[in-house]
N, C-alpha and C. Protein backbone atom coordinates (compact mmCIF):
# COMPACT_ATOMS: atom_id res chain seq x y z
N MET A 1 5.91 73.34 -39.17
CA MET A 1 6.59 72.92 -38.23
C MET A 1 6.02 72.06 -37.46
N GLN A 2 5.25 72.69 -36.85
CA GLN A 2 4.62 71.79 -35.09
C GLN A 2 3.88 70.28 -35.97
N LYS A 3 3.22 70.58 -37.32
CA LYS A 3 2.41 69.29 -37.73
C LYS A 3 3.61 68.67 -37.72
N VAL A 4 5.17 68.57 -38.24
CA VAL A 4 5.64 67.62 -38.35
C VAL A 4 6.50 67.13 -37.15
N THR A 5 6.56 67.98 -36.10
CA THR A 5 7.08 67.28 -34.68
C THR A 5 5.81 66.58 -34.13
N GLY A 6 4.76 66.87 -33.86
CA GLY A 6 3.54 66.48 -33.69
C GLY A 6 3.25 64.99 -34.03
N PHE A 7 3.61 65.19 -35.55
CA PHE A 7 3.53 63.50 -36.39
C PHE A 7 4.61 62.65 -35.44
N ILE A 8 5.93 63.37 -35.47
CA ILE A 8 6.76 62.24 -35.30
C ILE A 8 6.95 61.94 -33.58
N ILE A 9 6.34 62.61 -32.81
CA ILE A 9 6.01 62.51 -31.59
C ILE A 9 4.84 61.32 -31.73
N ILE A 10 4.00 61.20 -32.57
CA ILE A 10 3.15 60.05 -32.22
C ILE A 10 3.64 59.14 -32.70
N VAL A 11 4.45 58.86 -33.95
CA VAL A 11 4.98 57.65 -34.31
C VAL A 11 6.13 57.28 -33.43
N VAL A 12 6.84 58.00 -32.85
CA VAL A 12 7.91 57.98 -31.92
C VAL A 12 6.72 56.95 -30.46
N LEU A 13 5.61 57.71 -30.35
CA LEU A 13 4.95 57.17 -28.58
C LEU A 13 4.59 55.88 -29.62
N PHE A 14 4.14 55.71 -30.88
CA PHE A 14 3.52 54.52 -30.93
C PHE A 14 4.72 52.94 -31.13
N PHE A 15 5.69 53.51 -31.46
CA PHE A 15 6.46 52.90 -31.27
C PHE A 15 6.87 51.96 -30.32
N ILE A 16 7.10 53.04 -28.94
CA ILE A 16 7.46 52.43 -27.96
C ILE A 16 6.23 52.09 -27.23
N SER A 17 5.20 52.62 -27.33
CA SER A 17 3.90 51.54 -26.79
C SER A 17 3.91 50.04 -27.30
N VAL A 18 3.82 50.09 -28.70
CA VAL A 18 4.43 48.83 -29.38
C VAL A 18 5.38 47.70 -28.79
N SER A 19 6.70 47.97 -28.55
CA SER A 19 7.48 47.34 -28.04
C SER A 19 7.49 46.64 -26.59
N PHE A 20 6.25 47.61 -25.90
CA PHE A 20 6.30 47.04 -24.18
C PHE A 20 4.83 45.67 -24.95
N ILE A 21 4.49 45.07 -25.87
CA ILE A 21 3.51 43.85 -25.98
C ILE A 21 4.19 42.92 -25.89
N PRO A 22 3.73 42.03 -25.22
CA PRO A 22 4.36 40.98 -25.03
C PRO A 22 4.40 40.26 -26.23
N LYS A 23 5.31 39.25 -26.80
CA LYS A 23 5.74 38.92 -27.74
C LYS A 23 4.90 37.12 -27.29
N ASN A 24 4.02 36.71 -28.48
CA ASN A 24 3.53 35.14 -28.24
C ASN A 24 4.67 34.33 -28.46
N LYS A 25 5.04 33.40 -27.30
CA LYS A 25 5.67 32.66 -27.15
C LYS A 25 5.43 31.44 -27.28
N GLU A 26 6.02 30.70 -27.91
CA GLU A 26 5.87 29.03 -28.17
C GLU A 26 5.77 28.50 -26.48
N LYS A 27 4.91 27.57 -26.76
CA LYS A 27 4.01 26.90 -25.14
C LYS A 27 4.24 25.22 -25.69
N VAL A 28 4.82 24.75 -24.66
CA VAL A 28 4.73 23.09 -25.02
C VAL A 28 3.43 23.00 -25.18
N GLN A 29 3.03 21.72 -26.26
CA GLN A 29 2.12 21.35 -27.07
C GLN A 29 1.62 20.36 -26.02
N TRP A 30 1.07 20.77 -24.73
CA TRP A 30 0.74 19.56 -24.04
C TRP A 30 -0.63 18.40 -24.65
N LEU A 31 -0.25 16.86 -24.04
CA LEU A 31 -1.36 16.70 -24.63
C LEU A 31 -2.12 15.80 -23.35
N THR A 32 -3.24 15.13 -23.69
CA THR A 32 -3.87 14.54 -22.73
C THR A 32 -3.64 12.72 -22.94
N VAL A 33 -3.81 11.96 -22.00
CA VAL A 33 -3.20 10.76 -22.03
C VAL A 33 -4.42 10.43 -23.56
N ALA A 34 -5.23 10.30 -23.53
CA ALA A 34 -6.46 9.86 -24.54
C ALA A 34 -5.54 10.40 -26.05
N GLN A 35 -5.40 11.74 -26.13
CA GLN A 35 -4.33 12.26 -27.29
C GLN A 35 -3.26 11.99 -27.80
N LEU A 36 -2.66 11.44 -26.34
CA LEU A 36 -1.25 11.03 -26.77
C LEU A 36 -1.18 9.69 -27.36
N GLN A 37 -2.84 8.45 -27.07
CA GLN A 37 -2.55 7.27 -27.70
C GLN A 37 -3.07 7.72 -29.14
N GLU A 38 -3.42 8.50 -29.72
CA GLU A 38 -4.25 8.97 -31.00
C GLU A 38 -2.75 9.28 -31.56
N ALA A 39 -2.38 10.13 -31.33
CA ALA A 39 -1.27 10.82 -31.93
C ALA A 39 0.05 9.92 -32.03
N TYR A 40 0.08 8.92 -30.64
CA TYR A 40 1.71 8.11 -30.95
C TYR A 40 1.13 6.78 -31.95
N SER A 41 -0.37 6.62 -31.84
CA SER A 41 -0.40 5.18 -33.13
C SER A 41 -0.17 5.63 -34.42
N LYS A 42 -0.11 6.89 -35.18
CA LYS A 42 -0.15 7.89 -35.94
C LYS A 42 1.45 8.10 -36.29
N ASN A 43 1.92 8.07 -35.23
CA ASN A 43 3.70 8.43 -35.66
C ASN A 43 4.74 8.31 -34.13
N PRO A 44 5.02 7.42 -33.60
CA PRO A 44 5.73 6.96 -32.48
C PRO A 44 6.81 8.06 -32.27
N LYS A 45 6.72 8.33 -30.85
CA LYS A 45 7.97 9.26 -30.80
C LYS A 45 8.44 9.29 -29.32
N PRO A 46 8.70 9.72 -28.85
CA PRO A 46 9.60 9.40 -27.26
C PRO A 46 8.43 10.52 -26.60
N ILE A 47 7.75 10.48 -25.31
CA ILE A 47 6.97 10.85 -24.38
C ILE A 47 7.57 11.57 -22.89
N LEU A 48 7.49 12.36 -22.98
CA LEU A 48 7.59 12.98 -21.72
C LEU A 48 6.52 12.82 -21.02
N VAL A 49 6.25 12.89 -19.88
CA VAL A 49 4.94 13.34 -18.75
C VAL A 49 5.42 13.74 -17.80
N ASP A 50 4.53 15.15 -17.62
CA ASP A 50 4.90 15.50 -16.35
C ASP A 50 3.93 15.66 -15.65
N VAL A 51 4.09 14.68 -14.43
CA VAL A 51 3.18 14.41 -13.27
C VAL A 51 3.40 15.15 -12.57
N TYR A 52 2.17 15.68 -11.58
CA TYR A 52 1.71 17.15 -10.75
C TYR A 52 0.58 16.81 -10.07
N THR A 53 0.64 17.92 -9.14
CA THR A 53 -1.04 18.03 -8.59
C THR A 53 -1.45 19.81 -8.22
N ASN A 54 -2.41 19.58 -8.66
CA ASN A 54 -2.42 21.36 -8.10
C ASN A 54 -1.97 22.00 -7.04
N TRP A 55 -1.93 21.51 -6.29
CA TRP A 55 -1.55 22.00 -5.22
C TRP A 55 0.03 21.91 -4.91
N CYS A 56 0.33 21.69 -5.61
CA CYS A 56 2.12 21.28 -5.88
C CYS A 56 2.67 22.82 -5.99
N GLY A 57 3.06 23.78 -5.15
CA GLY A 57 4.04 24.69 -5.30
C GLY A 57 5.08 24.78 -6.62
N TRP A 58 6.08 23.60 -6.74
CA TRP A 58 7.19 23.41 -7.55
C TRP A 58 6.70 23.41 -8.82
N CYS A 59 5.94 22.64 -8.25
CA CYS A 59 4.93 22.02 -9.68
C CYS A 59 4.53 23.11 -11.09
N LYS A 60 4.00 24.07 -10.39
CA LYS A 60 3.85 25.77 -10.48
C LYS A 60 5.12 26.50 -11.03
N VAL A 61 6.02 26.64 -10.78
CA VAL A 61 7.64 26.87 -10.84
C VAL A 61 7.85 26.29 -11.84
N MET A 62 7.98 25.19 -12.12
CA MET A 62 8.29 24.42 -12.83
C MET A 62 7.87 24.62 -14.43
N ASP A 63 6.53 25.01 -14.04
CA ASP A 63 5.59 25.60 -15.35
C ASP A 63 6.04 26.88 -15.71
N ARG A 64 6.20 27.45 -14.88
CA ARG A 64 6.69 29.37 -15.35
C ARG A 64 7.84 28.84 -16.04
N GLN A 65 8.98 28.24 -15.11
CA GLN A 65 10.22 28.57 -15.88
C GLN A 65 11.20 27.70 -16.56
N THR A 66 10.93 26.32 -15.98
CA THR A 66 11.39 25.54 -16.96
C THR A 66 10.58 24.95 -18.04
N TYR A 67 9.15 24.72 -18.33
CA TYR A 67 8.65 24.58 -19.43
C TYR A 67 7.95 26.29 -20.27
N SER A 68 8.43 27.15 -19.75
CA SER A 68 8.12 28.39 -20.76
C SER A 68 9.49 28.73 -21.05
N ASN A 69 10.61 28.00 -21.13
CA ASN A 69 12.22 28.56 -21.64
C ASN A 69 11.98 27.94 -22.73
N GLU A 70 12.35 28.91 -23.91
CA GLU A 70 12.19 28.71 -25.40
C GLU A 70 12.62 27.32 -25.50
N LYS A 71 14.50 27.51 -25.21
CA LYS A 71 14.78 26.16 -25.34
C LYS A 71 14.47 24.72 -25.53
N VAL A 72 13.75 24.55 -24.27
CA VAL A 72 13.09 23.50 -23.83
C VAL A 72 11.46 23.19 -24.45
N VAL A 73 10.91 24.11 -24.68
CA VAL A 73 9.72 24.26 -25.20
C VAL A 73 9.91 23.59 -26.88
N SER A 74 10.85 24.34 -27.31
CA SER A 74 11.43 23.92 -28.96
C SER A 74 11.86 22.71 -28.68
N TYR A 75 12.42 22.32 -27.99
CA TYR A 75 13.05 21.02 -27.80
C TYR A 75 11.73 19.89 -27.98
N ILE A 76 11.21 19.93 -26.50
CA ILE A 76 9.93 19.17 -26.77
C ILE A 76 9.02 19.05 -27.60
N ASN A 77 8.71 20.22 -28.12
CA ASN A 77 7.35 19.98 -28.99
C ASN A 77 8.13 19.35 -30.62
N GLU A 78 9.64 19.18 -30.25
CA GLU A 78 10.10 18.81 -31.97
C GLU A 78 9.96 17.08 -32.00
N HIS A 79 10.46 17.17 -30.75
CA HIS A 79 11.25 15.55 -30.25
C HIS A 79 10.33 14.30 -29.29
N TYR A 80 9.15 14.65 -28.84
CA TYR A 80 8.34 14.72 -27.83
C TYR A 80 6.80 14.34 -28.10
N TYR A 81 6.45 13.72 -27.49
CA TYR A 81 4.90 14.06 -27.29
C TYR A 81 4.92 14.43 -25.56
N ALA A 82 4.07 15.71 -25.53
CA ALA A 82 4.45 15.88 -23.55
C ALA A 82 2.77 15.92 -23.28
N VAL A 83 2.93 14.99 -22.30
CA VAL A 83 1.53 14.96 -21.66
C VAL A 83 1.69 15.72 -19.92
N LYS A 84 0.53 16.64 -19.78
CA LYS A 84 0.38 16.54 -18.51
C LYS A 84 -0.49 16.04 -17.89
N LEU A 85 -0.01 15.16 -16.61
CA LEU A 85 -1.12 13.89 -15.84
C LEU A 85 -1.20 14.58 -14.43
N ASP A 86 -1.92 15.12 -14.17
CA ASP A 86 -2.89 15.37 -12.60
C ASP A 86 -2.92 13.59 -11.79
N ALA A 87 -1.64 14.11 -11.10
CA ALA A 87 -1.64 12.59 -10.07
C ALA A 87 -2.89 12.26 -9.04
N GLU A 88 -3.56 13.51 -9.35
CA GLU A 88 -4.91 13.16 -8.50
C GLU A 88 -6.21 13.06 -9.30
N GLN A 89 -5.92 12.87 -10.12
CA GLN A 89 -7.04 12.85 -11.14
C GLN A 89 -8.16 11.72 -11.32
N LYS A 90 -9.29 11.96 -11.10
CA LYS A 90 -10.09 10.47 -10.79
C LYS A 90 -10.72 10.14 -12.07
N ASP A 91 -10.70 10.49 -12.92
CA ASP A 91 -11.12 9.90 -14.57
C ASP A 91 -10.05 8.23 -14.32
N SER A 92 -10.65 7.27 -15.18
CA SER A 92 -9.67 6.19 -15.24
C SER A 92 -9.23 6.93 -16.98
N LEU A 93 -8.18 6.14 -17.15
CA LEU A 93 -6.93 6.24 -18.04
C LEU A 93 -6.57 5.06 -18.76
N GLU A 94 -6.27 5.55 -19.83
CA GLU A 94 -5.60 4.05 -20.73
C GLU A 94 -4.53 4.65 -21.18
N TRP A 95 -3.36 3.53 -21.00
CA TRP A 95 -1.95 3.38 -21.02
C TRP A 95 -1.71 2.44 -21.78
N ASN A 96 -1.14 1.92 -23.16
CA ASN A 96 -0.73 1.22 -23.59
C ASN A 96 -1.86 -0.10 -23.38
N GLY A 97 -3.11 0.13 -23.54
CA GLY A 97 -4.02 -0.51 -23.42
C GLY A 97 -4.33 -1.41 -22.25
N LYS A 98 -4.07 -0.16 -20.86
CA LYS A 98 -4.41 -1.07 -19.88
C LYS A 98 -5.02 0.25 -19.39
N LYS A 99 -5.97 -0.17 -18.25
CA LYS A 99 -6.70 0.95 -17.69
C LYS A 99 -6.47 1.12 -16.31
N TYR A 100 -6.26 2.63 -16.21
CA TYR A 100 -5.56 2.78 -14.81
C TYR A 100 -6.89 3.78 -13.96
N GLY A 101 -7.45 3.38 -12.65
CA GLY A 101 -8.55 4.22 -11.90
C GLY A 101 -7.75 5.02 -10.70
N TYR A 102 -8.63 5.35 -9.95
CA TYR A 102 -8.69 6.11 -9.51
C TYR A 102 -8.26 5.48 -7.99
N SER A 103 -7.39 5.53 -7.06
CA SER A 103 -7.15 5.07 -5.99
C SER A 103 -8.04 5.62 -4.69
N LYS A 104 -9.09 5.53 -4.27
CA LYS A 104 -9.59 5.79 -2.89
C LYS A 104 -8.50 6.14 -2.19
N LEU A 105 -7.77 5.04 -2.04
CA LEU A 105 -7.12 5.01 -0.53
C LEU A 105 -5.62 5.73 -0.33
N ASN A 106 -5.38 5.94 -1.45
CA ASN A 106 -4.02 6.18 -2.23
C ASN A 106 -4.16 8.12 -2.70
N LYS A 107 -5.36 8.48 -3.17
CA LYS A 107 -6.06 9.59 -3.36
C LYS A 107 -5.28 9.98 -4.38
N VAL A 108 -4.63 8.93 -5.54
CA VAL A 108 -4.03 8.94 -6.57
C VAL A 108 -4.64 8.28 -7.98
N ASN A 109 -4.26 8.54 -9.24
CA ASN A 109 -4.55 8.47 -10.23
C ASN A 109 -3.11 7.08 -9.93
N GLU A 110 -4.07 5.86 -10.21
CA GLU A 110 -2.74 4.52 -10.55
C GLU A 110 -1.70 4.62 -11.94
N LEU A 111 -2.26 5.13 -12.81
CA LEU A 111 -1.35 5.57 -13.66
C LEU A 111 -0.47 6.26 -13.17
N ALA A 112 -0.52 7.56 -12.20
CA ALA A 112 0.73 8.43 -11.71
C ALA A 112 1.52 7.34 -10.88
N VAL A 113 1.14 6.24 -10.42
CA VAL A 113 2.02 5.43 -9.32
C VAL A 113 2.66 4.10 -10.51
N TYR A 114 2.17 4.25 -11.26
CA TYR A 114 2.56 3.23 -12.23
C TYR A 114 3.94 3.82 -13.14
N LEU A 115 4.17 5.39 -13.20
CA LEU A 115 4.98 5.96 -14.18
C LEU A 115 6.08 6.30 -13.40
N CYS A 116 5.47 6.43 -11.87
CA CYS A 116 6.60 6.64 -10.56
C CYS A 116 7.25 5.60 -10.04
N TYR A 117 6.88 4.54 -10.29
CA TYR A 117 7.44 3.34 -9.49
C TYR A 117 6.92 3.23 -8.27
N GLY A 118 5.93 3.98 -8.17
CA GLY A 118 5.00 4.19 -6.77
C GLY A 118 5.77 5.00 -5.81
N GLN A 119 6.75 5.68 -5.61
CA GLN A 119 7.62 6.82 -5.09
C GLN A 119 6.83 8.18 -6.08
N LEU A 120 5.66 8.19 -5.40
CA LEU A 120 5.20 10.12 -5.86
C LEU A 120 5.50 11.00 -5.30
N SER A 121 6.85 11.87 -5.86
CA SER A 121 6.74 12.98 -5.58
C SER A 121 6.88 14.01 -6.61
N PHE A 122 6.23 15.29 -6.33
CA PHE A 122 5.89 16.11 -7.55
C PHE A 122 6.55 17.40 -7.22
N PRO A 123 6.98 17.89 -8.19
CA PRO A 123 6.81 17.35 -9.63
C PRO A 123 7.71 15.92 -10.17
N THR A 124 7.35 15.13 -10.64
CA THR A 124 8.02 13.99 -11.37
C THR A 124 7.67 14.54 -12.84
N THR A 125 9.34 14.18 -13.22
CA THR A 125 9.34 14.49 -15.27
C THR A 125 9.53 13.08 -15.21
N VAL A 126 8.77 12.04 -16.29
CA VAL A 126 9.05 10.66 -16.34
C VAL A 126 9.25 10.77 -18.31
N PHE A 127 10.31 9.73 -18.17
CA PHE A 127 10.30 9.92 -19.40
C PHE A 127 9.98 8.49 -19.88
N VAL A 128 9.60 8.23 -21.06
CA VAL A 128 8.76 7.20 -21.73
C VAL A 128 9.60 6.53 -23.19
N ALA A 129 10.48 6.04 -23.60
CA ALA A 129 11.02 5.96 -24.90
C ALA A 129 9.82 5.56 -25.84
N ASP A 130 9.16 4.62 -25.63
CA ASP A 130 8.12 4.52 -26.55
C ASP A 130 7.27 3.60 -25.49
N MET A 131 5.92 3.46 -26.05
CA MET A 131 4.83 3.01 -25.35
C MET A 131 5.09 1.72 -24.43
N LYS A 132 5.92 0.85 -25.26
CA LYS A 132 6.18 -0.38 -24.58
C LYS A 132 7.62 -0.43 -23.54
N ALA A 133 8.11 0.54 -23.66
CA ALA A 133 9.10 1.04 -22.54
C ALA A 133 8.94 1.17 -21.36
N GLN A 134 9.85 1.12 -19.99
CA GLN A 134 9.62 1.25 -18.81
C GLN A 134 9.66 2.66 -18.65
N PRO A 135 8.91 3.14 -17.64
CA PRO A 135 9.35 4.77 -17.47
C PRO A 135 10.55 4.78 -17.07
N ALA A 136 10.99 6.35 -17.53
CA ALA A 136 12.19 6.76 -16.31
C ALA A 136 11.86 7.79 -15.92
N PRO A 137 11.22 7.90 -14.33
CA PRO A 137 11.03 9.09 -13.94
C PRO A 137 11.98 9.98 -13.27
N LEU A 138 12.16 11.13 -13.36
CA LEU A 138 12.88 11.73 -12.29
C LEU A 138 12.11 13.23 -11.59
N ALA A 139 12.54 12.55 -9.93
CA ALA A 139 11.30 13.48 -9.30
C ALA A 139 12.13 14.74 -9.32
N GLY A 140 11.41 15.79 -8.56
CA GLY A 140 11.65 17.26 -8.37
C GLY A 140 11.79 18.05 -9.18
N TYR A 141 11.84 19.01 -8.92
CA TYR A 141 11.89 20.54 -9.78
C TYR A 141 13.31 20.43 -10.39
N LEU A 142 13.49 20.47 -12.13
CA LEU A 142 14.58 20.65 -13.06
C LEU A 142 14.36 22.09 -13.36
N LYS A 143 15.70 22.43 -13.12
CA LYS A 143 15.96 23.79 -14.28
C LYS A 143 15.96 23.42 -15.55
N ALA A 144 15.92 24.42 -16.60
CA ALA A 144 16.62 24.18 -18.25
C ALA A 144 17.22 23.56 -18.20
N SER A 145 18.34 23.64 -17.23
CA SER A 145 19.72 23.25 -17.88
C SER A 145 20.00 21.40 -17.27
N GLU A 146 19.69 21.69 -16.23
CA GLU A 146 19.32 20.33 -15.64
C GLU A 146 18.25 19.07 -16.51
N ILE A 147 17.06 19.92 -17.10
CA ILE A 147 16.42 18.71 -18.06
C ILE A 147 16.58 18.81 -19.05
N GLU A 148 17.90 19.33 -19.70
CA GLU A 148 18.62 19.41 -20.89
C GLU A 148 18.92 17.69 -21.36
N THR A 149 19.73 17.52 -20.72
CA THR A 149 20.59 15.69 -20.74
C THR A 149 19.34 14.96 -21.14
N PRO A 150 18.55 14.89 -20.31
CA PRO A 150 17.98 13.42 -19.90
C PRO A 150 16.55 13.94 -21.42
N LEU A 151 16.33 14.85 -21.35
CA LEU A 151 15.36 15.35 -22.90
C LEU A 151 16.48 14.72 -23.86
N LYS A 152 17.18 15.23 -24.45
CA LYS A 152 17.86 15.12 -25.78
C LYS A 152 18.59 13.44 -25.30
N PHE A 153 18.81 12.82 -24.15
CA PHE A 153 19.12 11.42 -24.28
C PHE A 153 18.37 10.61 -24.50
N PHE A 154 16.83 10.51 -24.96
CA PHE A 154 15.88 9.88 -25.10
C PHE A 154 15.60 11.10 -26.36
N GLY A 155 15.34 11.80 -26.66
CA GLY A 155 15.21 12.65 -28.14
C GLY A 155 16.06 12.40 -28.92
N GLU A 156 16.95 12.42 -29.12
CA GLU A 156 17.76 12.05 -29.64
C GLU A 156 18.25 10.15 -29.96
N ASN A 157 17.59 9.71 -29.03
CA ASN A 157 17.74 8.15 -29.17
C ASN A 157 19.20 7.45 -28.67
N ALA A 158 19.78 8.39 -28.11
CA ALA A 158 20.72 7.57 -27.28
C ALA A 158 20.47 6.58 -26.69
N TYR A 159 20.02 6.49 -25.89
CA TYR A 159 19.12 5.26 -24.91
C TYR A 159 19.28 3.78 -26.19
N LYS A 160 19.37 3.81 -26.94
CA LYS A 160 19.21 2.89 -27.91
C LYS A 160 20.89 1.78 -28.06
N THR A 161 22.04 2.92 -27.73
CA THR A 161 23.14 2.65 -28.09
C THR A 161 24.06 2.72 -26.61
N GLN A 162 23.69 3.29 -25.65
CA GLN A 162 24.35 3.36 -24.48
C GLN A 162 23.67 3.89 -23.35
N ASN A 163 24.49 3.60 -22.23
CA ASN A 163 23.98 4.06 -21.09
C ASN A 163 23.74 5.72 -20.43
N PHE A 164 22.59 5.86 -19.72
CA PHE A 164 22.71 7.51 -19.16
C PHE A 164 24.00 7.72 -18.40
N GLN A 165 24.46 7.18 -17.72
CA GLN A 165 26.02 7.83 -17.57
C GLN A 165 26.82 7.94 -18.33
N ASP A 166 27.29 6.78 -19.22
CA ASP A 166 27.78 7.20 -20.54
C ASP A 166 27.80 8.40 -20.84
N PHE A 167 26.76 8.49 -21.68
CA PHE A 167 25.71 9.56 -22.35
C PHE A 167 26.02 11.11 -21.50
N ASN A 168 25.80 11.15 -20.38
CA ASN A 168 26.11 12.26 -19.32
C ASN A 168 27.65 12.77 -19.07
N LYS A 169 28.56 11.81 -19.34
CA LYS A 169 29.81 12.22 -18.44
C LYS A 169 30.19 12.91 -20.22
N ALA A 170 29.47 12.41 -21.40
CA ALA A 170 30.44 12.88 -22.92
C ALA A 170 29.47 13.93 -22.88
N PHE A 171 28.30 14.38 -22.50
CA PHE A 171 27.13 15.42 -22.95
C PHE A 171 27.72 17.04 -22.27
N SER A 172 27.42 17.89 -23.45
CA SER A 172 27.99 19.28 -22.95
C SER A 172 26.76 19.97 -23.19
N ASN A 173 26.33 20.50 -21.94
CA ASN A 173 25.11 21.39 -21.83
C ASN A 173 25.23 22.74 -22.63
N SER A 174 24.48 22.91 -23.38
CA SER A 174 24.15 24.58 -24.33
C SER A 174 23.34 25.22 -23.46
N TRP A 175 22.27 24.80 -22.52
CA TRP A 175 21.26 25.33 -22.53
C TRP A 175 21.45 26.17 -21.15
């Protein structure tokens, strides 16, 4: 009887300890600008660019909360190419055939300036319908519920048939 009781206790303890092991959560499949160019040439789809800096506290919060939300991650990975762009990156970058370098005067990469129309604020989430389209920057920290509408506006190609205001009026958040 003691052997059976001991065995049951060991099995119960095993299952309790296993239940506390964190599950492998899906993560946003971030690309570099160079990786984006290659992937986009093979299979075009909308682009999401997270413009951030290493010192930006809200950028880190957005990474921890918004970009780790299961629904956000799943939607981005399915419908977008997601790019992380350090606005202070010193390497030259190529975007749609044009090179962007680092500006010592402004201490930022000119690609960040282009994508944000010169209005640098961190974080900024930039939506690009296709490589030749004008960027649509959305400055500031966005919760999962706040990023859902623009994600779906571009991800479901609604931008081709209506403006964002009309889409937003008819949209019902589900996150």
